[in-house]
Amino acid sequence: MPEYRNPKPTVDCIIELSGERIVLIRRANPPVGWALPGGFVDEGEPLDKAAIREAKEETGLDVELTEQFFSYSDPARDPRLHTISTVFIAKATGEPVGADDAAEAKTFTVDALPKDLCFDHGTILSDYLTYKRTGKRRKL
């Protein structure tokens, strides 16, 4: 049987808190830097459950997913390997605490987001902010 080199499924969460704040994590492992909470989907795990699990593991927050936002699949989006990320929008209460492979978790207002985010998370957040402002999603 041939060996297939398929992309790895991942999830990312845009966690909204009161005051138009968004939760980001500072990654402890390469590539280091600020990123959306997220990670790899475990075998046999539905995407929504993976997003909830990763959010809890990295921020300590119990999230409620409100919608599946978009999927990002550019082969260059992750310098480690080809991944396909399904992004969810979620709501939570409380304050995040970095855990698992997050060295830190912090909230940012939409006008104070870090400029250099890991992976394609700057693009994801730009798309999200456009969606929140206009109601229009990124086009395929």
C-alpha atoms as a PDB file:
ATOM      1  CA  MET A   1       0.000   0.000   0.000  1.00  0.00           C
ATOM      2  CA  PRO A   2       1.396   3.461  -0.863  1.00  0.00           C
ATOM      3  CA  GLU A   3       2.367   5.860   1.879  1.00  0.00           C
ATOM      4  CA  TYR A   4       0.179   8.942   1.766  1.00  0.00           C
ATOM      5  CA  ARG A   5       1.549  12.285   2.889  1.00  0.00           C
ATOM      6  CA  ASN A   6      -1.665  14.025   3.837  1.00  0.00           C
ATOM      7  CA  PRO A   7      -2.018  17.373   5.584  1.00  0.00           C
ATOM      8  CA  LYS A   8      -2.666  17.212   9.324  1.00  0.00           C
ATOM      9  CA  PRO A   9      -5.993  18.553  10.623  1.00  0.00           C
ATOM     10  CA  THR A  10      -5.781  21.292  13.227  1.00  0.00           C
ATOM     11  CA  VAL A  11      -8.209  23.658  14.937  1.00  0.00           C
ATOM     12  CA  ASP A  12      -7.854  27.235  16.116  1.00  0.00           C
ATOM     13  CA  CYS A  13     -10.179  29.253  18.353  1.00  0.00           C
ATOM     14  CA  ILE A  14     -10.953  32.939  18.262  1.00  0.00           C
ATOM     15  CA  ILE A  15     -12.100  33.299  21.865  1.00  0.00           C
ATOM     16  CA  GLU A  16     -14.161  36.420  22.475  1.00  0.00           C
ATOM     17  CA  LEU A  17     -14.329  37.905  25.965  1.00  0.00           C
ATOM     18  CA  SER A  18     -16.302  40.911  27.164  1.00  0.00           C
ATOM     19  CA  GLY A  19     -15.010  44.330  26.188  1.00  0.00           C
ATOM     20  CA  GLU A  20     -14.187  43.228  22.636  1.00  0.00           C
ATOM     21  CA  ARG A  21     -11.172  41.302  23.868  1.00  0.00           C
ATOM     22  CA  ILE A  22      -9.619  38.280  22.156  1.00  0.00           C
ATOM     23  CA  VAL A  23      -7.498  35.603  23.819  1.00  0.00           C
ATOM     24  CA  LEU A  24      -4.057  34.822  22.422  1.00  0.00           C
ATOM     25  CA  ILE A  25      -1.384  32.473  23.702  1.00  0.00           C
ATOM     26  CA  ARG A  26       2.376  32.897  23.629  1.00  0.00           C
ATOM     27  CA  ARG A  27       3.693  29.594  22.345  1.00  0.00           C
ATOM     28  CA  ALA A  28       6.316  27.829  24.431  1.00  0.00           C
ATOM     29  CA  ASN A  29       7.406  25.560  21.566  1.00  0.00           C
ATOM     30  CA  PRO A  30       8.720  26.504  18.116  1.00  0.00           C
ATOM     31  CA  PRO A  31       7.537  28.442  16.344  1.00  0.00           C
ATOM     32  CA  VAL A  32       7.421  30.721  19.383  1.00  0.00           C
ATOM     33  CA  GLY A  33       5.333  33.870  19.500  1.00  0.00           C
ATOM     34  CA  TRP A  34       1.712  34.935  19.872  1.00  0.00           C
ATOM     35  CA  ALA A  35      -0.969  32.742  18.331  1.00  0.00           C
ATOM     36  CA  LEU A  36      -4.598  31.761  18.581  1.00  0.00           C
ATOM     37  CA  PRO A  37      -5.263  28.866  20.960  1.00  0.00           C
ATOM     38  CA  GLY A  38      -5.403  25.641  19.002  1.00  0.00           C
ATOM     39  CA  GLY A  39      -3.631  22.502  17.969  1.00  0.00           C
ATOM     40  CA  PHE A  40      -3.826  19.113  16.343  1.00  0.00           C
ATOM     41  CA  VAL A  41      -6.995  17.061  16.155  1.00  0.00           C
ATOM     42  CA  ASP A  42      -6.635  13.673  17.846  1.00  0.00           C
ATOM     43  CA  GLU A  43      -7.550  10.525  15.944  1.00  0.00           C
ATOM     44  CA  GLY A  44     -11.276   9.841  16.329  1.00  0.00           C
ATOM     45  CA  GLU A  45     -11.961  13.336  17.686  1.00  0.00           C
ATOM     46  CA  PRO A  46     -14.582  15.625  16.097  1.00  0.00           C
ATOM     47  CA  LEU A  47     -13.353  19.097  15.161  1.00  0.00           C
ATOM     48  CA  ASP A  48     -15.627  20.897  17.621  1.00  0.00           C
ATOM     49  CA  LYS A  49     -14.484  18.720  20.525  1.00  0.00           C
ATOM     50  CA  ALA A  50     -10.839  19.299  19.522  1.00  0.00           C
ATOM     51  CA  ALA A  51     -11.368  23.076  19.562  1.00  0.00           C
ATOM     52  CA  ILE A  52     -12.985  22.966  23.008  1.00  0.00           C
ATOM     53  CA  ARG A  53     -10.200  20.695  24.335  1.00  0.00           C
ATOM     54  CA  GLU A  54      -7.363  22.810  22.929  1.00  0.00           C
ATOM     55  CA  ALA A  55      -8.908  26.028  24.270  1.00  0.00           C
ATOM     56  CA  LYS A  56      -9.193  24.496  27.749  1.00  0.00           C
ATOM     57  CA  GLU A  57      -5.686  23.012  27.669  1.00  0.00           C
ATOM     58  CA  GLU A  58      -3.984  26.218  26.568  1.00  0.00           C
ATOM     59  CA  THR A  59      -6.060  28.913  28.308  1.00  0.00           C
ATOM     60  CA  GLY A  60      -7.914  27.195  31.151  1.00  0.00           C
ATOM     61  CA  LEU A  61     -11.156  28.617  29.761  1.00  0.00           C
ATOM     62  CA  ASP A  62     -14.359  26.680  29.182  1.00  0.00           C
ATOM     63  CA  VAL A  63     -15.516  27.915  25.806  1.00  0.00           C
ATOM     64  CA  GLU A  64     -18.824  27.810  24.011  1.00  0.00           C
ATOM     65  CA  LEU A  65     -18.326  27.513  20.270  1.00  0.00           C
ATOM     66  CA  THR A  66     -20.648  29.929  18.488  1.00  0.00           C
ATOM     67  CA  GLU A  67     -19.764  29.164  14.881  1.00  0.00           C
ATOM     68  CA  GLN A  68     -17.331  27.488  12.547  1.00  0.00           C
ATOM     69  CA  PHE A  69     -15.635  30.421  10.856  1.00  0.00           C
ATOM     70  CA  PHE A  70     -13.426  29.225   7.979  1.00  0.00           C
ATOM     71  CA  SER A  71     -10.788  26.654   7.023  1.00  0.00           C
ATOM     72  CA  TYR A  72      -7.247  27.708   6.137  1.00  0.00           C
ATOM     73  CA  SER A  73      -5.129  25.331   4.076  1.00  0.00           C
ATOM     74  CA  ASP A  74      -2.202  27.158   2.477  1.00  0.00           C
ATOM     75  CA  PRO A  75       0.602  24.568   2.499  1.00  0.00           C
ATOM     76  CA  ALA A  76       2.983  27.271   3.790  1.00  0.00           C
ATOM     77  CA  ARG A  77       0.746  28.324   6.742  1.00  0.00           C
ATOM     78  CA  ASP A  78       2.742  26.208   9.216  1.00  0.00           C
ATOM     79  CA  PRO A  79       6.544  26.018   8.868  1.00  0.00           C
ATOM     80  CA  ARG A  80       6.612  22.551  10.463  1.00  0.00           C
ATOM     81  CA  LEU A  81       4.337  20.668   8.062  1.00  0.00           C
ATOM     82  CA  HIS A  82       1.252  21.039   5.889  1.00  0.00           C
ATOM     83  CA  THR A  83      -1.804  21.581   8.098  1.00  0.00           C
ATOM     84  CA  ILE A  84      -5.430  22.432   7.473  1.00  0.00           C
ATOM     85  CA  SER A  85      -6.921  24.540  10.248  1.00  0.00           C
ATOM     86  CA  THR A  86     -10.615  24.788  10.907  1.00  0.00           C
ATOM     87  CA  VAL A  87     -11.202  27.993  12.831  1.00  0.00           C
ATOM     88  CA  PHE A  88     -14.021  28.408  15.330  1.00  0.00           C
ATOM     89  CA  ILE A  89     -15.380  31.514  17.024  1.00  0.00           C
ATOM     90  CA  ALA A  90     -16.070  30.955  20.715  1.00  0.00           C
ATOM     91  CA  LYS A  91     -17.245  32.854  23.772  1.00  0.00           C
ATOM     92  CA  ALA A  92     -15.938  32.480  27.308  1.00  0.00           C
ATOM     93  CA  THR A  93     -15.953  34.205  30.662  1.00  0.00           C
ATOM     94  CA  GLY A  94     -13.111  34.582  33.109  1.00  0.00           C
ATOM     95  CA  GLU A  95      -9.466  35.310  32.513  1.00  0.00           C
ATOM     96  CA  PRO A  96      -7.119  32.999  30.611  1.00  0.00           C
ATOM     97  CA  VAL A  97      -4.136  31.276  32.203  1.00  0.00           C
ATOM     98  CA  GLY A  98      -1.421  29.789  29.987  1.00  0.00           C
ATOM     99  CA  ALA A  99      -0.957  26.030  30.304  1.00  0.00           C
ATOM    100  CA  ASP A 100       0.075  22.970  28.286  1.00  0.00           C
ATOM    101  CA  ASP A 101       2.290  24.281  25.461  1.00  0.00           C
ATOM    102  CA  ALA A 102       1.228  27.908  26.050  1.00  0.00           C
ATOM    103  CA  ALA A 103       3.836  29.830  28.024  1.00  0.00           C
ATOM    104  CA  GLU A 104       1.287  32.580  28.580  1.00  0.00           C
ATOM    105  CA  ALA A 105      -2.326  33.406  27.744  1.00  0.00           C
ATOM    106  CA  LYS A 106      -3.428  37.013  27.538  1.00  0.00           C
ATOM    107  CA  THR A 107      -6.340  39.105  26.322  1.00  0.00           C
ATOM    108  CA  PHE A 108      -5.986  41.842  23.736  1.00  0.00           C
ATOM    109  CA  THR A 109      -8.445  44.434  22.540  1.00  0.00           C
ATOM    110  CA  VAL A 110      -8.967  44.346  18.798  1.00  0.00           C
ATOM    111  CA  ASP A 111      -7.013  47.582  18.368  1.00  0.00           C
ATOM    112  CA  ALA A 112      -4.007  46.314  20.351  1.00  0.00           C
ATOM    113  CA  LEU A 113      -3.392  42.882  18.791  1.00  0.00           C
ATOM    114  CA  PRO A 114       0.273  41.955  18.290  1.00  0.00           C
ATOM    115  CA  LYS A 115       1.480  42.569  14.743  1.00  0.00           C
ATOM    116  CA  ASP A 116       3.633  39.477  14.211  1.00  0.00           C
ATOM    117  CA  LEU A 117       1.555  36.402  14.952  1.00  0.00           C
ATOM    118  CA  CYS A 118       2.618  32.808  14.346  1.00  0.00           C
ATOM    119  CA  PHE A 119       1.454  30.845  11.334  1.00  0.00           C
ATOM    120  CA  ASP A 120      -1.254  32.671   9.347  1.00  0.00           C
ATOM    121  CA  HIS A 121      -3.043  33.897  12.466  1.00  0.00           C
ATOM    122  CA  GLY A 122      -2.667  37.541  11.427  1.00  0.00           C
ATOM    123  CA  THR A 123      -4.636  36.745   8.277  1.00  0.00           C
ATOM    124  CA  ILE A 124      -7.210  34.792  10.273  1.00  0.00           C
ATOM    125  CA  LEU A 125      -7.742  37.687  12.682  1.00  0.00           C
ATOM    126  CA  SER A 126      -7.909  40.198   9.837  1.00  0.00           C
ATOM    127  CA  ASP A 127     -10.600  38.062   8.184  1.00  0.00           C
ATOM    128  CA  TYR A 128     -12.435  37.780  11.509  1.00  0.00           C
ATOM    129  CA  LEU A 129     -12.358  41.543  12.144  1.00  0.00           C
ATOM    130  CA  THR A 130     -13.687  42.184   8.631  1.00  0.00           C
ATOM    131  CA  TYR A 131     -16.459  39.669   9.278  1.00  0.00           C
ATOM    132  CA  LYS A 132     -17.379  41.292  12.610  1.00  0.00           C
ATOM    133  CA  ARG A 133     -17.411  44.753  11.029  1.00  0.00           C
ATOM    134  CA  THR A 134     -19.214  43.934   7.759  1.00  0.00           C
ATOM    135  CA  GLY A 135     -20.827  40.512   8.178  1.00  0.00           C
ATOM    136  CA  LYS A 136     -18.903  39.327   5.110  1.00  0.00           C
ATOM    137  CA  ARG A 137     -16.772  36.213   5.234  1.00  0.00           C
ATOM    138  CA  ARG A 138     -13.595  35.551   3.333  1.00  0.00           C
ATOM    139  CA  LYS A 139     -14.296  34.204  -0.143  1.00  0.00           C
ATOM    140  CA  LEU A 140     -12.902  30.951  -1.410  1.00  0.00           C
END
